[in-house]
Amino acid sequence: MTDNQLKMAFSILNYSLGVFIAIMSLKLFTKKGLTAPIYITAAIVVVGPIENLLMRIVKPEDRWLVDQLTSVAFLIFLLLAVLESGKSLMYRPQ
């Protein structure tokens, strides 16, 4: 397998998993009102397609800033997901 074929295979796998997670997140939100999966999907979108788009737009010497900003946004969305998950566990009826 060539490098280009491997790159394409991983790209397809990454996007397929991202789409699957997004679909499952939307299902959980619409059927059960869970918001933590939506935050996780937002985190994935930030470090996936949004970061890729920004990396193409900015100058090479500024890509470190895009990397850092998208990492911070990713971690904020994960923090929101954790806090939301903790909240639902704390208020679960016994």
N, C-alpha and C. Protein backbone atom coordinates (compact mmCIF):
# COMPACT_ATOMS: atom_id res chain seq x y z
N MET A 1 0.85 -1.18 0.00
CA MET A 1 0.00 0.00 0.00
C MET A 1 0.90 1.24 0.00
N THR A 2 0.62 2.16 -0.91
CA THR A 2 1.44 3.37 -0.99
C THR A 2 1.03 4.36 0.11
N ASP A 3 1.86 5.37 0.30
CA ASP A 3 1.56 6.39 1.30
C ASP A 3 0.25 7.11 0.98
N ASN A 4 0.03 7.40 -0.30
CA ASN A 4 -1.21 8.08 -0.69
C ASN A 4 -2.44 7.22 -0.42
N GLN A 5 -2.33 5.92 -0.69
CA GLN A 5 -3.44 5.02 -0.41
C GLN A 5 -3.70 4.92 1.09
N LEU A 6 -2.63 4.86 1.87
CA LEU A 6 -2.77 4.81 3.32
C LEU A 6 -3.39 6.09 3.86
N LYS A 7 -2.94 7.22 3.33
CA LYS A 7 -3.50 8.51 3.74
C LYS A 7 -4.99 8.56 3.42
N MET A 8 -5.37 8.11 2.24
CA MET A 8 -6.77 8.10 1.83
C MET A 8 -7.59 7.16 2.72
N ALA A 9 -7.05 6.00 3.03
CA ALA A 9 -7.76 5.05 3.89
C ALA A 9 -8.01 5.64 5.27
N PHE A 10 -7.00 6.28 5.84
CA PHE A 10 -7.17 6.89 7.16
C PHE A 10 -8.13 8.07 7.11
N SER A 11 -8.09 8.84 6.04
CA SER A 11 -9.03 9.96 5.89
C SER A 11 -10.47 9.46 5.85
N ILE A 12 -10.70 8.43 5.06
CA ILE A 12 -12.05 7.85 4.97
C ILE A 12 -12.49 7.31 6.32
N LEU A 13 -11.59 6.61 7.01
CA LEU A 13 -11.91 6.07 8.33
C LEU A 13 -12.23 7.20 9.31
N ASN A 14 -11.41 8.24 9.33
CA ASN A 14 -11.63 9.36 10.25
C ASN A 14 -12.97 10.04 9.99
N TYR A 15 -13.25 10.36 8.74
CA TYR A 15 -14.51 11.03 8.43
C TYR A 15 -15.70 10.12 8.68
N SER A 16 -15.58 8.84 8.38
CA SER A 16 -16.68 7.90 8.63
C SER A 16 -17.00 7.81 10.12
N LEU A 17 -15.96 7.69 10.94
CA LEU A 17 -16.19 7.64 12.38
C LEU A 17 -16.78 8.95 12.90
N GLY A 18 -16.30 10.07 12.38
CA GLY A 18 -16.84 11.37 12.79
C GLY A 18 -18.31 11.50 12.45
N VAL A 19 -18.68 11.09 11.24
CA VAL A 19 -20.08 11.15 10.83
C VAL A 19 -20.94 10.21 11.68
N PHE A 20 -20.44 9.02 11.94
CA PHE A 20 -21.17 8.07 12.78
C PHE A 20 -21.40 8.64 14.17
N ILE A 21 -20.37 9.22 14.77
CA ILE A 21 -20.49 9.82 16.10
C ILE A 21 -21.49 10.96 16.07
N ALA A 22 -21.45 11.79 15.03
CA ALA A 22 -22.38 12.91 14.92
C ALA A 22 -23.83 12.41 14.83
N ILE A 23 -24.05 11.38 14.03
CA ILE A 23 -25.40 10.82 13.90
C ILE A 23 -25.89 10.26 15.23
N MET A 24 -25.03 9.51 15.89
CA MET A 24 -25.41 8.94 17.19
C MET A 24 -25.67 10.05 18.21
N SER A 25 -24.87 11.10 18.18
CA SER A 25 -25.06 12.22 19.10
C SER A 25 -26.40 12.91 18.87
N LEU A 26 -26.73 13.13 17.62
CA LEU A 26 -28.02 13.76 17.30
C LEU A 26 -29.19 12.87 17.72
N LYS A 27 -29.04 11.57 17.53
CA LYS A 27 -30.09 10.64 17.97
C LYS A 27 -30.28 10.70 19.49
N LEU A 28 -29.16 10.69 20.22
CA LEU A 28 -29.24 10.76 21.68
C LEU A 28 -29.83 12.08 22.15
N PHE A 29 -29.53 13.15 21.43
CA PHE A 29 -30.07 14.45 21.80
C PHE A 29 -31.58 14.51 21.52
N THR A 30 -31.98 14.06 20.35
CA THR A 30 -33.40 14.16 20.00
C THR A 30 -34.27 13.17 20.78
N LYS A 31 -33.77 12.00 21.05
CA LYS A 31 -34.58 10.98 21.74
C LYS A 31 -34.52 11.09 23.25
N LYS A 32 -33.36 11.49 23.80
CA LYS A 32 -33.20 11.49 25.26
C LYS A 32 -32.82 12.85 25.83
N GLY A 33 -32.59 13.82 24.95
CA GLY A 33 -32.24 15.16 25.42
C GLY A 33 -30.83 15.27 26.00
N LEU A 34 -29.96 14.33 25.65
CA LEU A 34 -28.59 14.36 26.17
C LEU A 34 -27.75 15.35 25.38
N THR A 35 -27.08 16.26 26.09
CA THR A 35 -26.26 17.27 25.41
C THR A 35 -24.78 16.92 25.41
N ALA A 36 -24.33 16.07 26.30
CA ALA A 36 -22.90 15.71 26.33
C ALA A 36 -22.41 15.17 24.99
N PRO A 37 -23.18 14.29 24.32
CA PRO A 37 -22.71 13.82 23.00
C PRO A 37 -22.61 14.94 21.97
N ILE A 38 -23.45 15.96 22.07
CA ILE A 38 -23.37 17.09 21.15
C ILE A 38 -22.06 17.84 21.37
N TYR A 39 -21.66 18.01 22.63
CA TYR A 39 -20.38 18.66 22.92
C TYR A 39 -19.21 17.85 22.36
N ILE A 40 -19.31 16.54 22.46
CA ILE A 40 -18.25 15.68 21.92
C ILE A 40 -18.18 15.82 20.40
N THR A 41 -19.34 15.86 19.75
CA THR A 41 -19.37 16.06 18.30
C THR A 41 -18.76 17.41 17.94
N ALA A 42 -19.09 18.45 18.69
CA ALA A 42 -18.53 19.78 18.43
C ALA A 42 -17.00 19.74 18.56
N ALA A 43 -16.49 19.02 19.56
CA ALA A 43 -15.05 18.89 19.74
C ALA A 43 -14.41 18.23 18.53
N ILE A 44 -15.05 17.18 18.02
CA ILE A 44 -14.53 16.47 16.86
C ILE A 44 -14.53 17.37 15.63
N VAL A 45 -15.59 18.14 15.45
CA VAL A 45 -15.68 19.03 14.29
C VAL A 45 -14.60 20.10 14.35
N VAL A 46 -14.33 20.61 15.56
CA VAL A 46 -13.31 21.66 15.70
C VAL A 46 -11.93 21.14 15.31
N VAL A 47 -11.54 19.98 15.81
CA VAL A 47 -10.18 19.49 15.51
C VAL A 47 -10.11 18.69 14.21
N GLY A 48 -11.24 18.52 13.56
CA GLY A 48 -11.26 17.84 12.27
C GLY A 48 -11.38 18.82 11.14
N PRO A 49 -12.58 18.95 10.61
CA PRO A 49 -12.77 19.79 9.42
C PRO A 49 -12.43 21.26 9.62
N ILE A 50 -12.78 21.82 10.77
CA ILE A 50 -12.49 23.25 10.98
C ILE A 50 -10.99 23.50 11.04
N GLU A 51 -10.27 22.67 11.78
CA GLU A 51 -8.82 22.84 11.85
C GLU A 51 -8.18 22.64 10.47
N ASN A 52 -8.62 21.64 9.72
CA ASN A 52 -8.09 21.42 8.37
C ASN A 52 -8.32 22.63 7.48
N LEU A 53 -9.52 23.19 7.54
CA LEU A 53 -9.82 24.37 6.73
C LEU A 53 -8.94 25.55 7.12
N LEU A 54 -8.81 25.80 8.42
CA LEU A 54 -7.99 26.93 8.88
C LEU A 54 -6.52 26.73 8.53
N MET A 55 -6.04 25.51 8.60
CA MET A 55 -4.63 25.25 8.26
C MET A 55 -4.34 25.57 6.80
N ARG A 56 -5.35 25.39 5.94
CA ARG A 56 -5.17 25.71 4.52
C ARG A 56 -5.19 27.21 4.27
N ILE A 57 -5.89 27.95 5.14
CA ILE A 57 -6.07 29.38 4.94
C ILE A 57 -4.88 30.19 5.46
N VAL A 58 -4.37 29.81 6.64
CA VAL A 58 -3.33 30.63 7.27
C VAL A 58 -1.95 30.33 6.69
N LYS A 59 -1.05 31.27 6.91
CA LYS A 59 0.34 31.10 6.47
C LYS A 59 1.00 29.99 7.30
N PRO A 60 1.95 29.27 6.72
CA PRO A 60 2.62 28.18 7.45
C PRO A 60 3.19 28.61 8.80
N GLU A 61 3.70 29.82 8.89
CA GLU A 61 4.28 30.25 10.17
C GLU A 61 3.23 30.53 11.24
N ASP A 62 1.95 30.61 10.84
CA ASP A 62 0.88 30.86 11.81
C ASP A 62 0.09 29.60 12.15
N ARG A 63 0.47 28.48 11.60
CA ARG A 63 -0.28 27.23 11.84
C ARG A 63 -0.20 26.77 13.29
N TRP A 64 0.85 27.13 13.98
CA TRP A 64 0.95 26.77 15.40
C TRP A 64 -0.20 27.40 16.19
N LEU A 65 -0.60 28.61 15.79
CA LEU A 65 -1.68 29.30 16.49
C LEU A 65 -3.02 28.60 16.24
N VAL A 66 -3.25 28.18 15.01
CA VAL A 66 -4.46 27.42 14.70
C VAL A 66 -4.48 26.14 15.52
N ASP A 67 -3.36 25.46 15.58
CA ASP A 67 -3.25 24.22 16.35
C ASP A 67 -3.59 24.46 17.82
N GLN A 68 -3.05 25.51 18.39
CA GLN A 68 -3.29 25.80 19.80
C GLN A 68 -4.74 26.21 20.06
N LEU A 69 -5.28 27.06 19.20
CA LEU A 69 -6.66 27.52 19.39
C LEU A 69 -7.67 26.38 19.23
N THR A 70 -7.46 25.53 18.25
CA THR A 70 -8.38 24.41 18.08
C THR A 70 -8.23 23.40 19.20
N SER A 71 -7.02 23.26 19.73
CA SER A 71 -6.83 22.37 20.89
C SER A 71 -7.57 22.89 22.10
N VAL A 72 -7.51 24.20 22.33
CA VAL A 72 -8.23 24.80 23.46
C VAL A 72 -9.73 24.61 23.28
N ALA A 73 -10.24 24.88 22.08
CA ALA A 73 -11.67 24.70 21.83
C ALA A 73 -12.08 23.25 22.03
N PHE A 74 -11.27 22.32 21.54
CA PHE A 74 -11.52 20.88 21.72
C PHE A 74 -11.65 20.54 23.21
N LEU A 75 -10.69 21.03 23.99
CA LEU A 75 -10.70 20.73 25.42
C LEU A 75 -11.87 21.38 26.15
N ILE A 76 -12.27 22.57 25.71
CA ILE A 76 -13.44 23.22 26.32
C ILE A 76 -14.69 22.39 26.05
N PHE A 77 -14.87 21.93 24.82
CA PHE A 77 -16.04 21.10 24.51
C PHE A 77 -16.00 19.78 25.29
N LEU A 78 -14.83 19.20 25.45
CA LEU A 78 -14.75 17.97 26.25
C LEU A 78 -15.05 18.26 27.72
N LEU A 79 -14.59 19.38 28.22
CA LEU A 79 -14.90 19.77 29.60
C LEU A 79 -16.41 19.93 29.77
N LEU A 80 -17.06 20.58 28.82
CA LEU A 80 -18.51 20.72 28.89
C LEU A 80 -19.21 19.37 28.87
N ALA A 81 -18.70 18.45 28.07
CA ALA A 81 -19.28 17.09 28.02
C ALA A 81 -19.11 16.38 29.36
N VAL A 82 -17.94 16.51 29.96
CA VAL A 82 -17.69 15.88 31.26
C VAL A 82 -18.60 16.48 32.32
N LEU A 83 -18.69 17.81 32.35
CA LEU A 83 -19.54 18.47 33.35
C LEU A 83 -21.00 18.08 33.16
N GLU A 84 -21.44 18.02 31.92
CA GLU A 84 -22.82 17.63 31.63
C GLU A 84 -23.07 16.18 32.04
N SER A 85 -22.13 15.30 31.77
CA SER A 85 -22.26 13.89 32.17
C SER A 85 -22.30 13.77 33.68
N GLY A 86 -21.45 14.53 34.35
CA GLY A 86 -21.44 14.50 35.82
C GLY A 86 -22.73 15.01 36.39
N LYS A 87 -23.30 16.03 35.77
CA LYS A 87 -24.56 16.60 36.25
C LYS A 87 -25.67 15.56 36.15
N SER A 88 -25.73 14.83 35.04
CA SER A 88 -26.79 13.84 34.89
C SER A 88 -26.59 12.67 35.85
N LEU A 89 -25.35 12.36 36.20
CA LEU A 89 -25.12 11.29 37.17
C LEU A 89 -25.48 11.73 38.58
N MET A 90 -25.23 13.01 38.90
CA MET A 90 -25.53 13.52 40.23
C MET A 90 -27.03 13.56 40.50
N TYR A 91 -27.82 13.84 39.50
CA TYR A 91 -29.27 14.01 39.69
C TYR A 91 -30.08 12.81 39.23
N ARG A 92 -29.43 11.69 39.10
CA ARG A 92 -30.13 10.47 38.70
C ARG A 92 -30.97 9.98 39.87
N PRO A 93 -32.25 9.68 39.64
CA PRO A 93 -33.09 9.16 40.73
C PRO A 93 -32.58 7.83 41.23
N GLN A 94 -32.64 7.65 42.51
CA GLN A 94 -32.13 6.42 43.16
C GLN A 94 -33.20 5.36 43.17
